[in-house]
Amino acid sequence: MNGRERVFAHLDGKPADRLALMPITMMFAADQIGAKYRVYATDYRALVEAQLRTAERFNLDHVSAISDPAREAADFGATVEYFADQPPAFDENNALLADKTTLARLKTPDPLGGGRMHDRVKALALFKERVGREKFIEGWVEGPCAEGADLRGINTLMLDFFDDPIFVRDLFTLAVENALRFARAQVEAGADLIGVGDAAASLVGPMIYEEFVWPFEKQLVDGLHRLGARVRLHICGNTRPILESMGRLGCDIVDLDSMVPMDEARAKMGSQPFLLGNLDPVHELLNGTPQTIADAIARCHRQSGARYIIGAGCEVPRHTPPENLRALFDYAITTKPH
């Protein structure tokens, strides 16, 4: 059973030979081919080569086009700063929507128009060509709260929830429209699954999440399913106050950061979604040993139950010892799915 067959078997409720491995690797992957991170994030050929090398060396079941949260915003026209060997970053003091009236004139960019979104679509097409039958292929879009923060500025958006809720809903409507257009291009290029990164959603309380964020995440998840894609939700940070709401989104896979107890997540989110994670990326994965990592995975597996996929709470740190990442596979091949 290869990686693509294995992940689909899990998601379809069919027997699989072992647990699936789907950790997020970005800077770690770039280092596997000696690429500076700016090259990895801006040249799809480097990203694909790095992902393939990482998947081969560490027996991962998927390859992913994730690199940074600035692709959509950059194509909208946001100011993005690039660094030689770090992820791109936004200029919070020069947000594209610092003037809210700009929103009325903002149009969704063409995901095949030669910008940074197009670069990701090219990566997925190359994945499809090279490992389309062997590896599960993951595309990526930004969720409504994350994209809203990227365009408006994270601190300003937090005030907008109280000061101008109509503007927030209009902004999130545009974000979802763009994400679905971008996702369609990725699915057509070869993506089996679309990851949704909505890190900013962990910064709002449960009332704001339920009123403002959840309805738009639900629109996005349902739209992705209509495109024929599986959906992976990734919200960095402490999501304990919103676990029950996240469980009602209908995602196939939900990533959980390390501060969220897996048994609590399973109890609040129900039995349906696969839970992925949630090794502490630094304390357990970067600074641990193969044995302590195996113990930590066993805890996550036990608390999550059968519908579990191995991964870290967030990105695998770039300087993680190779033997520590290989410990994920070692656990998978010595432990049967429940």
C-alpha atoms as a PDB file:
ATOM      1  CA  MET A   1       0.000   0.000   0.000  1.00  0.00           C
ATOM      2  CA  ASN A   2       1.563   3.312  -1.036  1.00  0.00           C
ATOM      3  CA  GLY A   3       1.033   6.674   0.649  1.00  0.00           C
ATOM      4  CA  ARG A   4      -1.826   7.809  -1.566  1.00  0.00           C
ATOM      5  CA  GLU A   5      -3.673   4.526  -1.161  1.00  0.00           C
ATOM      6  CA  ARG A   6      -3.050   4.573   2.588  1.00  0.00           C
ATOM      7  CA  VAL A   7      -4.431   8.052   3.229  1.00  0.00           C
ATOM      8  CA  PHE A   8      -7.480   7.453   1.043  1.00  0.00           C
ATOM      9  CA  ALA A   9      -8.127   4.149   2.830  1.00  0.00           C
ATOM     10  CA  HIS A  10      -8.092   5.904   6.187  1.00  0.00           C
ATOM     11  CA  LEU A  11     -10.350   8.733   5.042  1.00  0.00           C
ATOM     12  CA  ASP A  12     -12.772   6.312   3.358  1.00  0.00           C
ATOM     13  CA  GLY A  13     -13.024   4.082   6.434  1.00  0.00           C
ATOM     14  CA  LYS A  14     -11.287   1.151   4.762  1.00  0.00           C
ATOM     15  CA  PRO A  15      -8.528  -1.076   6.192  1.00  0.00           C
ATOM     16  CA  ALA A  16      -5.017   0.348   6.030  1.00  0.00           C
ATOM     17  CA  ASP A  17      -1.702  -1.352   6.680  1.00  0.00           C
ATOM     18  CA  ARG A  18      -0.494   1.311   9.121  1.00  0.00           C
ATOM     19  CA  LEU A  19      -1.144   4.801  10.416  1.00  0.00           C
ATOM     20  CA  ALA A  20      -0.643   7.646   7.944  1.00  0.00           C
ATOM     21  CA  LEU A  21       2.158  10.210   8.301  1.00  0.00           C
ATOM     22  CA  MET A  22       1.306  13.775   7.271  1.00  0.00           C
ATOM     23  CA  PRO A  23       3.522  16.220   9.212  1.00  0.00           C
ATOM     24  CA  ILE A  24       3.907  19.754   7.887  1.00  0.00           C
ATOM     25  CA  THR A  25       7.432  20.232   6.526  1.00  0.00           C
ATOM     26  CA  MET A  26       8.452  23.553   5.022  1.00  0.00           C
ATOM     27  CA  MET A  27      11.791  24.971   6.204  1.00  0.00           C
ATOM     28  CA  PHE A  28      12.849  21.439   7.105  1.00  0.00           C
ATOM     29  CA  ALA A  29      12.029  20.322   3.558  1.00  0.00           C
ATOM     30  CA  ALA A  30      13.930  23.208   1.963  1.00  0.00           C
ATOM     31  CA  ASP A  31      17.006  22.244   3.961  1.00  0.00           C
ATOM     32  CA  GLN A  32      16.859  18.704   2.567  1.00  0.00           C
ATOM     33  CA  ILE A  33      17.919  20.030  -0.839  1.00  0.00           C
ATOM     34  CA  GLY A  34      20.022  22.926   0.442  1.00  0.00           C
ATOM     35  CA  ALA A  35      17.603  25.549  -0.864  1.00  0.00           C
ATOM     36  CA  LYS A  36      17.274  28.975   0.701  1.00  0.00           C
ATOM     37  CA  TYR A  37      13.740  29.439   1.948  1.00  0.00           C
ATOM     38  CA  ARG A  38      13.002  32.352  -0.365  1.00  0.00           C
ATOM     39  CA  VAL A  39      13.679  30.015  -3.301  1.00  0.00           C
ATOM     40  CA  TYR A  40      11.485  27.299  -1.778  1.00  0.00           C
ATOM     41  CA  ALA A  41       8.598  29.749  -1.295  1.00  0.00           C
ATOM     42  CA  THR A  42       8.824  31.441  -4.694  1.00  0.00           C
ATOM     43  CA  ASP A  43       9.921  28.704  -7.134  1.00  0.00           C
ATOM     44  CA  TYR A  44       7.550  25.753  -7.415  1.00  0.00           C
ATOM     45  CA  ARG A  45      10.307  23.544  -8.839  1.00  0.00           C
ATOM     46  CA  ALA A  46      12.370  23.890  -5.660  1.00  0.00           C
ATOM     47  CA  LEU A  47       9.330  23.282  -3.466  1.00  0.00           C
ATOM     48  CA  VAL A  48       8.420  20.121  -5.359  1.00  0.00           C
ATOM     49  CA  GLU A  49      11.959  18.759  -5.288  1.00  0.00           C
ATOM     50  CA  ALA A  50      12.255  19.457  -1.551  1.00  0.00           C
ATOM     51  CA  GLN A  51       8.924  17.829  -0.760  1.00  0.00           C
ATOM     52  CA  LEU A  52       9.728  14.748  -2.825  1.00  0.00           C
ATOM     53  CA  ARG A  53      13.141  14.381  -1.194  1.00  0.00           C
ATOM     54  CA  THR A  54      11.628  14.744   2.279  1.00  0.00           C
ATOM     55  CA  ALA A  55       8.802  12.287   1.609  1.00  0.00           C
ATOM     56  CA  GLU A  56      11.285   9.739   0.269  1.00  0.00           C
ATOM     57  CA  ARG A  57      13.812  10.086   3.088  1.00  0.00           C
ATOM     58  CA  PHE A  58      11.276   9.963   5.897  1.00  0.00           C
ATOM     59  CA  ASN A  59       8.556   7.750   4.392  1.00  0.00           C
ATOM     60  CA  LEU A  60       5.867  10.420   4.495  1.00  0.00           C
ATOM     61  CA  ASP A  61       2.557   9.594   2.854  1.00  0.00           C
ATOM     62  CA  HIS A  62       1.927  12.989   1.324  1.00  0.00           C
ATOM     63  CA  VAL A  63       3.532  15.933  -0.404  1.00  0.00           C
ATOM     64  CA  SER A  64       2.301  19.459   0.194  1.00  0.00           C
ATOM     65  CA  ALA A  65       2.359  22.818  -1.559  1.00  0.00           C
ATOM     66  CA  ILE A  66       2.214  24.774   1.709  1.00  0.00           C
ATOM     67  CA  SER A  67       4.958  27.373   2.099  1.00  0.00           C
ATOM     68  CA  ASP A  68       3.683  30.585   3.699  1.00  0.00           C
ATOM     69  CA  PRO A  69       0.408  32.499   4.180  1.00  0.00           C
ATOM     70  CA  ALA A  70       1.244  35.350   1.809  1.00  0.00           C
ATOM     71  CA  ARG A  71       0.358  33.880  -1.594  1.00  0.00           C
ATOM     72  CA  GLU A  72      -3.228  35.068  -1.869  1.00  0.00           C
ATOM     73  CA  ALA A  73      -2.582  38.413  -0.221  1.00  0.00           C
ATOM     74  CA  ALA A  74       0.410  39.087  -2.471  1.00  0.00           C
ATOM     75  CA  ASP A  75      -1.749  38.548  -5.548  1.00  0.00           C
ATOM     76  CA  PHE A  76      -4.372  40.905  -4.126  1.00  0.00           C
ATOM     77  CA  GLY A  77      -1.620  43.515  -4.006  1.00  0.00           C
ATOM     78  CA  ALA A  78      -0.545  43.417  -0.349  1.00  0.00           C
ATOM     79  CA  THR A  79       2.952  44.515   0.610  1.00  0.00           C
ATOM     80  CA  VAL A  80       5.019  41.407   1.330  1.00  0.00           C
ATOM     81  CA  GLU A  81       8.640  41.438   2.472  1.00  0.00           C
ATOM     82  CA  TYR A  82      10.919  38.614   1.341  1.00  0.00           C
ATOM     83  CA  PHE A  83      14.002  37.340   3.137  1.00  0.00           C
ATOM     84  CA  ALA A  84      16.829  35.115   1.945  1.00  0.00           C
ATOM     85  CA  ASP A  85      16.229  32.204   4.305  1.00  0.00           C
ATOM     86  CA  GLN A  86      13.051  32.938   6.251  1.00  0.00           C
ATOM     87  CA  PRO A  87       9.350  32.911   5.319  1.00  0.00           C
ATOM     88  CA  PRO A  88       7.848  35.998   3.666  1.00  0.00           C
ATOM     89  CA  ALA A  89       6.166  38.439   6.047  1.00  0.00           C
ATOM     90  CA  PHE A  90       3.535  41.158   5.887  1.00  0.00           C
ATOM     91  CA  ASP A  91       4.116  44.806   6.659  1.00  0.00           C
ATOM     92  CA  GLU A  92       1.509  45.275   9.389  1.00  0.00           C
ATOM     93  CA  ASN A  93       1.909  49.054   9.215  1.00  0.00           C
ATOM     94  CA  ASN A  94       1.188  49.138   5.491  1.00  0.00           C
ATOM     95  CA  ALA A  95      -1.800  46.816   5.200  1.00  0.00           C
ATOM     96  CA  LEU A  96      -3.581  46.708   1.857  1.00  0.00           C
ATOM     97  CA  LEU A  97      -6.918  47.443   3.551  1.00  0.00           C
ATOM     98  CA  ALA A  98      -5.677  50.036   6.028  1.00  0.00           C
ATOM     99  CA  ASP A  99      -8.328  52.171   4.350  1.00  0.00           C
ATOM    100  CA  LYS A 100     -11.502  50.093   4.577  1.00  0.00           C
ATOM    101  CA  THR A 101     -13.016  51.712   1.508  1.00  0.00           C
ATOM    102  CA  THR A 102     -10.415  49.880  -0.606  1.00  0.00           C
ATOM    103  CA  LEU A 103     -12.386  46.677  -0.054  1.00  0.00           C
ATOM    104  CA  ALA A 104     -15.179  47.842  -2.367  1.00  0.00           C
ATOM    105  CA  ARG A 105     -12.684  48.082  -5.240  1.00  0.00           C
ATOM    106  CA  LEU A 106     -10.823  44.839  -4.514  1.00  0.00           C
ATOM    107  CA  LYS A 107     -11.332  41.982  -6.965  1.00  0.00           C
ATOM    108  CA  THR A 108     -10.300  38.356  -6.631  1.00  0.00           C
ATOM    109  CA  PRO A 109      -7.056  37.798  -8.534  1.00  0.00           C
ATOM    110  CA  ASP A 110      -6.709  35.171 -11.234  1.00  0.00           C
ATOM    111  CA  PRO A 111      -5.051  32.070  -9.678  1.00  0.00           C
ATOM    112  CA  LEU A 112      -3.591  31.309 -13.120  1.00  0.00           C
ATOM    113  CA  GLY A 113      -2.453  34.867 -13.740  1.00  0.00           C
ATOM    114  CA  GLY A 114       1.273  34.373 -13.217  1.00  0.00           C
ATOM    115  CA  GLY A 115       1.431  35.407  -9.543  1.00  0.00           C
ATOM    116  CA  ARG A 116       2.214  33.532  -6.372  1.00  0.00           C
ATOM    117  CA  MET A 117      -1.040  31.575  -6.475  1.00  0.00           C
ATOM    118  CA  HIS A 118      -0.156  30.389  -9.964  1.00  0.00           C
ATOM    119  CA  ASP A 119       3.225  29.209  -8.661  1.00  0.00           C
ATOM    120  CA  ARG A 120       1.417  26.938  -6.168  1.00  0.00           C
ATOM    121  CA  VAL A 121      -0.871  25.587  -8.901  1.00  0.00           C
ATOM    122  CA  LYS A 122       2.222  24.743 -10.954  1.00  0.00           C
ATOM    123  CA  ALA A 123       3.640  22.864  -7.977  1.00  0.00           C
ATOM    124  CA  LEU A 124       0.524  20.719  -7.744  1.00  0.00           C
ATOM    125  CA  ALA A 125       0.612  19.941 -11.447  1.00  0.00           C
ATOM    126  CA  LEU A 126       4.237  18.837 -11.114  1.00  0.00           C
ATOM    127  CA  PHE A 127       3.391  16.717  -8.064  1.00  0.00           C
ATOM    128  CA  LYS A 128       0.651  15.075 -10.100  1.00  0.00           C
ATOM    129  CA  GLU A 129       3.069  14.346 -12.931  1.00  0.00           C
ATOM    130  CA  ARG A 130       5.798  12.919 -10.727  1.00  0.00           C
ATOM    131  CA  VAL A 131       4.040  11.132  -7.848  1.00  0.00           C
ATOM    132  CA  GLY A 132       0.342  11.338  -8.648  1.00  0.00           C
ATOM    133  CA  ARG A 133      -0.147   7.603  -8.137  1.00  0.00           C
ATOM    134  CA  GLU A 134       2.173   7.193  -5.141  1.00  0.00           C
ATOM    135  CA  LYS A 135       1.685  10.133  -2.771  1.00  0.00           C
ATOM    136  CA  PHE A 136      -1.372  11.938  -1.425  1.00  0.00           C
ATOM    137  CA  ILE A 137      -1.177  15.484  -2.818  1.00  0.00           C
ATOM    138  CA  GLU A 138      -2.057  18.447  -0.624  1.00  0.00           C
ATOM    139  CA  GLY A 139      -2.907  21.956  -1.778  1.00  0.00           C
ATOM    140  CA  TRP A 140      -3.472  24.886   0.559  1.00  0.00           C
ATOM    141  CA  VAL A 141      -5.555  28.048   0.980  1.00  0.00           C
ATOM    142  CA  GLU A 142      -5.912  30.642   3.712  1.00  0.00           C
ATOM    143  CA  GLY A 143      -9.037  30.602   5.857  1.00  0.00           C
ATOM    144  CA  PRO A 144     -11.276  33.668   6.163  1.00  0.00           C
ATOM    145  CA  CYS A 145      -9.899  34.967   9.447  1.00  0.00           C
ATOM    146  CA  ALA A 146      -6.274  34.470   8.423  1.00  0.00           C
ATOM    147  CA  GLU A 147      -6.759  36.083   5.014  1.00  0.00           C
ATOM    148  CA  GLY A 148      -8.740  38.919   6.564  1.00  0.00           C
ATOM    149  CA  ALA A 149      -5.854  39.542   8.962  1.00  0.00           C
ATOM    150  CA  ASP A 150      -3.338  39.411   6.120  1.00  0.00           C
ATOM    151  CA  LEU A 151      -5.221  42.070   4.158  1.00  0.00           C
ATOM    152  CA  ARG A 152      -6.405  44.289   7.015  1.00  0.00           C
ATOM    153  CA  GLY A 153      -3.717  43.771   9.668  1.00  0.00           C
ATOM    154  CA  ILE A 154      -4.203  41.391  12.572  1.00  0.00           C
ATOM    155  CA  ASN A 155      -4.540  44.028  15.297  1.00  0.00           C
ATOM    156  CA  THR A 156      -6.928  46.186  13.282  1.00  0.00           C
ATOM    157  CA  LEU A 157      -9.097  43.187  12.399  1.00  0.00           C
ATOM    158  CA  MET A 158      -9.518  42.349  16.080  1.00  0.00           C
ATOM    159  CA  LEU A 159     -10.987  45.811  16.626  1.00  0.00           C
ATOM    160  CA  ASP A 160     -13.165  45.530  13.518  1.00  0.00           C
ATOM    161  CA  PHE A 161     -15.121  42.662  15.080  1.00  0.00           C
ATOM    162  CA  PHE A 162     -16.509  45.213  17.526  1.00  0.00           C
ATOM    163  CA  ASP A 163     -16.309  48.444  15.538  1.00  0.00           C
ATOM    164  CA  ASP A 164     -17.521  47.378  12.097  1.00  0.00           C
ATOM    165  CA  PRO A 165     -19.006  43.875  11.900  1.00  0.00           C
ATOM    166  CA  ILE A 166     -20.522  44.543   8.460  1.00  0.00           C
ATOM    167  CA  PHE A 167     -17.055  45.265   7.073  1.00  0.00           C
ATOM    168  CA  VAL A 168     -15.715  42.043   8.621  1.00  0.00           C
ATOM    169  CA  ARG A 169     -18.430  39.978   6.962  1.00  0.00           C
ATOM    170  CA  ASP A 170     -17.797  41.649   3.606  1.00  0.00           C
ATOM    171  CA  LEU A 171     -14.072  41.003   3.999  1.00  0.00           C
ATOM    172  CA  PHE A 172     -14.593  37.336   4.899  1.00  0.00           C
ATOM    173  CA  THR A 173     -16.992  36.928   1.968  1.00  0.00           C
ATOM    174  CA  LEU A 174     -14.250  38.077  -0.394  1.00  0.00           C
ATOM    175  CA  ALA A 175     -11.697  35.824   1.319  1.00  0.00           C
ATOM    176  CA  VAL A 176     -13.870  32.722   0.905  1.00  0.00           C
ATOM    177  CA  GLU A 177     -14.691  33.577  -2.706  1.00  0.00           C
ATOM    178  CA  ASN A 178     -10.997  33.884  -3.484  1.00  0.00           C
ATOM    179  CA  ALA A 179     -10.054  30.737  -1.547  1.00  0.00           C
ATOM    180  CA  LEU A 180     -12.576  28.646  -3.473  1.00  0.00           C
ATOM    181  CA  ARG A 181     -11.419  30.020  -6.807  1.00  0.00           C
ATOM    182  CA  PHE A 182      -7.815  29.282  -5.846  1.00  0.00           C
ATOM    183  CA  ALA A 183      -8.764  25.828  -4.568  1.00  0.00           C
ATOM    184  CA  ARG A 184     -10.555  24.929  -7.787  1.00  0.00           C
ATOM    185  CA  ALA A 185      -7.379  25.631  -9.764  1.00  0.00           C
ATOM    186  CA  GLN A 186      -5.387  23.473  -7.334  1.00  0.00           C
ATOM    187  CA  VAL A 187      -7.836  20.574  -7.505  1.00  0.00           C
ATOM    188  CA  GLU A 188      -7.858  20.720 -11.289  1.00  0.00           C
ATOM    189  CA  ALA A 189      -4.050  20.650 -11.222  1.00  0.00           C
ATOM    190  CA  GLY A 190      -3.959  17.515  -9.072  1.00  0.00           C
ATOM    191  CA  ALA A 191      -4.634  18.229  -5.393  1.00  0.00           C
ATOM    192  CA  ASP A 192      -6.396  15.433  -3.503  1.00  0.00           C
ATOM    193  CA  LEU A 193      -6.880  17.551  -0.398  1.00  0.00           C
ATOM    194  CA  ILE A 194      -6.951  21.256   0.374  1.00  0.00           C
ATOM    195  CA  GLY A 195      -5.497  22.392   3.664  1.00  0.00           C
ATOM    196  CA  VAL A 196      -7.114  25.452   5.217  1.00  0.00           C
ATOM    197  CA  GLY A 197      -4.814  27.561   7.365  1.00  0.00           C
ATOM    198  CA  ASP A 198      -6.761  29.860   9.665  1.00  0.00           C
ATOM    199  CA  ALA A 199      -4.318  30.602  12.466  1.00  0.00           C
ATOM    200  CA  ALA A 200      -5.850  33.956  13.391  1.00  0.00           C
ATOM    201  CA  ALA A 201      -9.041  32.163  14.420  1.00  0.00           C
ATOM    202  CA  SER A 202      -7.341  30.940  17.594  1.00  0.00           C
ATOM    203  CA  LEU A 203      -6.969  34.559  18.755  1.00  0.00           C
ATOM    204  CA  VAL A 204     -10.695  35.252  19.050  1.00  0.00           C
ATOM    205  CA  GLY A 205     -12.998  34.044  21.789  1.00  0.00           C
ATOM    206  CA  PRO A 206     -15.715  31.433  21.255  1.00  0.00           C
ATOM    207  CA  MET A 207     -18.494  34.010  20.840  1.00  0.00           C
ATOM    208  CA  ILE A 208     -16.702  35.913  18.087  1.00  0.00           C
ATOM    209  CA  TYR A 209     -15.607  32.659  16.469  1.00  0.00           C
ATOM    210  CA  GLU A 210     -19.156  31.314  16.394  1.00  0.00           C
ATOM    211  CA  GLU A 211     -20.699  34.555  15.135  1.00  0.00           C
ATOM    212  CA  PHE A 212     -18.111  35.734  12.621  1.00  0.00           C
ATOM    213  CA  VAL A 213     -15.569  33.048  11.734  1.00  0.00           C
ATOM    214  CA  TRP A 214     -17.399  29.721  11.838  1.00  0.00           C
ATOM    215  CA  PRO A 215     -20.069  30.563   9.220  1.00  0.00           C
ATOM    216  CA  PHE A 216     -17.399  31.494   6.675  1.00  0.00           C
ATOM    217  CA  GLU A 217     -15.174  28.529   7.490  1.00  0.00           C
ATOM    218  CA  LYS A 218     -18.253  26.347   7.011  1.00  0.00           C
ATOM    219  CA  GLN A 219     -18.924  27.926   3.598  1.00  0.00           C
ATOM    220  CA  LEU A 220     -15.319  27.239   2.653  1.00  0.00           C
ATOM    221  CA  VAL A 221     -15.313  23.629   3.869  1.00  0.00           C
ATOM    222  CA  ASP A 222     -18.595  22.845   2.120  1.00  0.00           C
ATOM    223  CA  GLY A 223     -17.365  24.518  -1.069  1.00  0.00           C
ATOM    224  CA  LEU A 224     -14.148  22.512  -1.033  1.00  0.00           C
ATOM    225  CA  HIS A 225     -16.105  19.295  -0.657  1.00  0.00           C
ATOM    226  CA  ARG A 226     -18.249  20.273  -3.622  1.00  0.00           C
ATOM    227  CA  LEU A 227     -15.037  20.611  -5.640  1.00  0.00           C
ATOM    228  CA  GLY A 228     -14.291  16.981  -4.820  1.00  0.00           C
ATOM    229  CA  ALA A 229     -11.449  17.719  -2.398  1.00  0.00           C
ATOM    230  CA  ARG A 230     -10.869  16.403   1.087  1.00  0.00           C
ATOM    231  CA  VAL A 231     -10.331  19.124   3.689  1.00  0.00           C
ATOM    232  CA  ARG A 232      -7.660  19.542   6.364  1.00  0.00           C
ATOM    233  CA  LEU A 233      -8.150  22.356   8.884  1.00  0.00           C
ATOM    234  CA  HIS A 234      -5.061  23.837  10.495  1.00  0.00           C
ATOM    235  CA  ILE A 235      -5.524  26.452  13.220  1.00  0.00           C
ATOM    236  CA  CYS A 236      -2.331  27.146  15.140  1.00  0.00           C
ATOM    237  CA  GLY A 237      -2.514  27.963  18.819  1.00  0.00           C
ATOM    238  CA  ASN A 238      -4.849  27.115  21.669  1.00  0.00           C
ATOM    239  CA  THR A 239      -8.179  26.131  20.111  1.00  0.00           C
ATOM    240  CA  ARG A 240      -9.651  24.523  23.233  1.00  0.00           C
ATOM    241  CA  PRO A 241     -12.441  27.149  23.562  1.00  0.00           C
ATOM    242  CA  ILE A 242     -13.657  26.481  19.993  1.00  0.00           C
ATOM    243  CA  LEU A 243     -13.173  22.715  19.645  1.00  0.00           C
ATOM    244  CA  GLU A 244     -16.865  21.891  19.614  1.00  0.00           C
ATOM    245  CA  SER A 245     -17.529  24.442  16.875  1.00  0.00           C
ATOM    246  CA  MET A 246     -14.576  23.187  14.838  1.00  0.00           C
ATOM    247  CA  GLY A 247     -16.015  19.693  15.066  1.00  0.00           C
ATOM    248  CA  ARG A 248     -19.207  20.875  13.356  1.00  0.00           C
ATOM    249  CA  LEU A 249     -17.388  22.136  10.274  1.00  0.00           C
ATOM    250  CA  GLY A 250     -17.312  18.691   8.674  1.00  0.00           C
ATOM    251  CA  CYS A 251     -13.567  18.607   7.952  1.00  0.00           C
ATOM    252  CA  ASP A 252     -11.941  15.306   7.060  1.00  0.00           C
ATOM    253  CA  ILE A 253      -8.790  16.074   9.073  1.00  0.00           C
ATOM    254  CA  VAL A 254      -8.277  18.563  11.898  1.00  0.00           C
ATOM    255  CA  ASP A 255      -4.761  19.513  12.985  1.00  0.00           C
ATOM    256  CA  LEU A 256      -4.353  20.242  16.671  1.00  0.00           C
ATOM    257  CA  ASP A 257      -1.578  22.278  18.203  1.00  0.00           C
ATOM    258  CA  SER A 258       0.387  20.917  21.139  1.00  0.00           C
ATOM    259  CA  MET A 259      -1.465  22.842  23.851  1.00  0.00           C
ATOM    260  CA  VAL A 260      -4.747  21.053  23.033  1.00  0.00           C
ATOM    261  CA  PRO A 261      -5.271  17.704  24.827  1.00  0.00           C
ATOM    262  CA  MET A 262      -6.191  15.129  22.210  1.00  0.00           C
ATOM    263  CA  ASP A 263      -8.700  13.355  24.426  1.00  0.00           C
ATOM    264  CA  GLU A 264     -10.495  16.648  25.084  1.00  0.00           C
ATOM    265  CA  ALA A 265     -10.562  17.354  21.367  1.00  0.00           C
ATOM    266  CA  ARG A 266     -11.998  13.936  20.595  1.00  0.00           C
ATOM    267  CA  ALA A 267     -14.675  14.311  23.268  1.00  0.00           C
ATOM    268  CA  LYS A 268     -15.729  17.757  22.028  1.00  0.00           C
ATOM    269  CA  MET A 269     -15.363  17.219  18.292  1.00  0.00           C
ATOM    270  CA  GLY A 270     -16.974  13.810  18.093  1.00  0.00           C
ATOM    271  CA  SER A 271     -15.843  10.639  16.373  1.00  0.00           C
ATOM    272  CA  GLN A 272     -15.939  11.763  12.737  1.00  0.00           C
ATOM    273  CA  PRO A 273     -12.875  13.899  11.917  1.00  0.00           C
ATOM    274  CA  PHE A 274      -9.400  12.430  11.819  1.00  0.00           C
ATOM    275  CA  LEU A 275      -7.255  14.175  14.413  1.00  0.00           C
ATOM    276  CA  LEU A 276      -3.703  14.981  13.371  1.00  0.00           C
ATOM    277  CA  GLY A 277      -0.911  15.828  15.756  1.00  0.00           C
ATOM    278  CA  ASN A 278      -0.028  16.976  18.167  1.00  0.00           C
ATOM    279  CA  LEU A 279       3.559  16.566  19.242  1.00  0.00           C
ATOM    280  CA  ASP A 280       5.090  19.712  20.678  1.00  0.00           C
ATOM    281  CA  PRO A 281       7.283  20.762  17.730  1.00  0.00           C
ATOM    282  CA  VAL A 282      10.129  22.033  19.901  1.00  0.00           C
ATOM    283  CA  HIS A 283      10.001  20.229  23.246  1.00  0.00           C
ATOM    284  CA  GLU A 284       9.065  16.794  21.917  1.00  0.00           C
ATOM    285  CA  LEU A 285      10.126  16.686  18.253  1.00  0.00           C
ATOM    286  CA  LEU A 286      13.154  18.979  17.996  1.00  0.00           C
ATOM    287  CA  ASN A 287      14.603  18.358  21.458  1.00  0.00           C
ATOM    288  CA  GLY A 288      13.327  14.860  22.178  1.00  0.00           C
ATOM    289  CA  THR A 289      14.733  11.421  21.453  1.00  0.00           C
ATOM    290  CA  PRO A 290      13.261   8.663  19.290  1.00  0.00           C
ATOM    291  CA  GLN A 291      12.004   6.927  22.422  1.00  0.00           C
ATOM    292  CA  THR A 292      10.367   9.998  23.973  1.00  0.00           C
ATOM    293  CA  ILE A 293       8.831  10.786  20.580  1.00  0.00           C
ATOM    294  CA  ALA A 294       7.412   7.269  20.306  1.00  0.00           C
ATOM    295  CA  ASP A 295       5.924   7.653  23.790  1.00  0.00           C
ATOM    296  CA  ALA A 296       4.384  10.999  22.824  1.00  0.00           C
ATOM    297  CA  ILE A 297       2.862   9.606  19.632  1.00  0.00           C
ATOM    298  CA  ALA A 298       1.459   6.667  21.572  1.00  0.00           C
ATOM    299  CA  ARG A 299      -0.245   9.125  23.924  1.00  0.00           C
ATOM    300  CA  CYS A 300      -1.752  11.068  21.028  1.00  0.00           C
ATOM    301  CA  HIS A 301      -2.861   7.854  19.316  1.00  0.00           C
ATOM    302  CA  ARG A 302      -4.440   6.467  22.464  1.00  0.00           C
ATOM    303  CA  GLN A 303      -6.310   9.687  23.208  1.00  0.00           C
ATOM    304  CA  SER A 304      -7.475  10.188  19.614  1.00  0.00           C
ATOM    305  CA  GLY A 305      -8.595   6.643  18.915  1.00  0.00           C
ATOM    306  CA  ALA A 306      -8.568   4.912  15.546  1.00  0.00           C
ATOM    307  CA  ARG A 307      -9.183   8.036  13.461  1.00  0.00           C
ATOM    308  CA  TYR A 308      -5.706   9.417  13.970  1.00  0.00           C
ATOM    309  CA  ILE A 309      -2.903  10.629  11.680  1.00  0.00           C
ATOM    310  CA  ILE A 310       0.674  11.155  12.874  1.00  0.00           C
ATOM    311  CA  GLY A 311       2.071  14.672  12.822  1.00  0.00           C
ATOM    312  CA  ALA A 312       3.407  17.510  14.933  1.00  0.00           C
ATOM    313  CA  GLY A 313       1.364  20.277  16.534  1.00  0.00           C
ATOM    314  CA  CYS A 314       2.579  22.610  13.781  1.00  0.00           C
ATOM    315  CA  GLU A 315       5.505  22.780  11.357  1.00  0.00           C
ATOM    316  CA  VAL A 316       8.429  20.407  11.871  1.00  0.00           C
ATOM    317  CA  PRO A 317      11.289  22.689  13.027  1.00  0.00           C
ATOM    318  CA  ARG A 318      14.048  23.029  10.458  1.00  0.00           C
ATOM    319  CA  HIS A 319      16.827  21.685  12.707  1.00  0.00           C
ATOM    320  CA  THR A 320      14.955  18.588  13.873  1.00  0.00           C
ATOM    321  CA  PRO A 321      17.413  15.648  13.995  1.00  0.00           C
ATOM    322  CA  PRO A 322      16.699  13.193  11.168  1.00  0.00           C
ATOM    323  CA  GLU A 323      16.386  10.297  13.603  1.00  0.00           C
ATOM    324  CA  ASN A 324      13.644  12.177  15.437  1.00  0.00           C
ATOM    325  CA  LEU A 325      11.532  12.598  12.316  1.00  0.00           C
ATOM    326  CA  ARG A 326      12.168   8.966  11.366  1.00  0.00           C
ATOM    327  CA  ALA A 327      10.751   8.008  14.757  1.00  0.00           C
ATOM    328  CA  LEU A 328       7.292   8.920  13.385  1.00  0.00           C
ATOM    329  CA  PHE A 329       7.584   6.210  10.736  1.00  0.00           C
ATOM    330  CA  ASP A 330       9.088   3.747  13.199  1.00  0.00           C
ATOM    331  CA  TYR A 331       6.021   4.123  15.403  1.00  0.00           C
ATOM    332  CA  ALA A 332       3.694   3.745  12.424  1.00  0.00           C
ATOM    333  CA  ILE A 333       5.177   0.451  11.228  1.00  0.00           C
ATOM    334  CA  THR A 334       5.258  -1.106  14.703  1.00  0.00           C
ATOM    335  CA  THR A 335       1.744  -0.081  15.758  1.00  0.00           C
ATOM    336  CA  LYS A 336      -1.457  -1.233  14.119  1.00  0.00           C
ATOM    337  CA  PRO A 337      -4.318   1.217  13.648  1.00  0.00           C
ATOM    338  CA  HIS A 338      -6.921   0.649  16.379  1.00  0.00           C
END
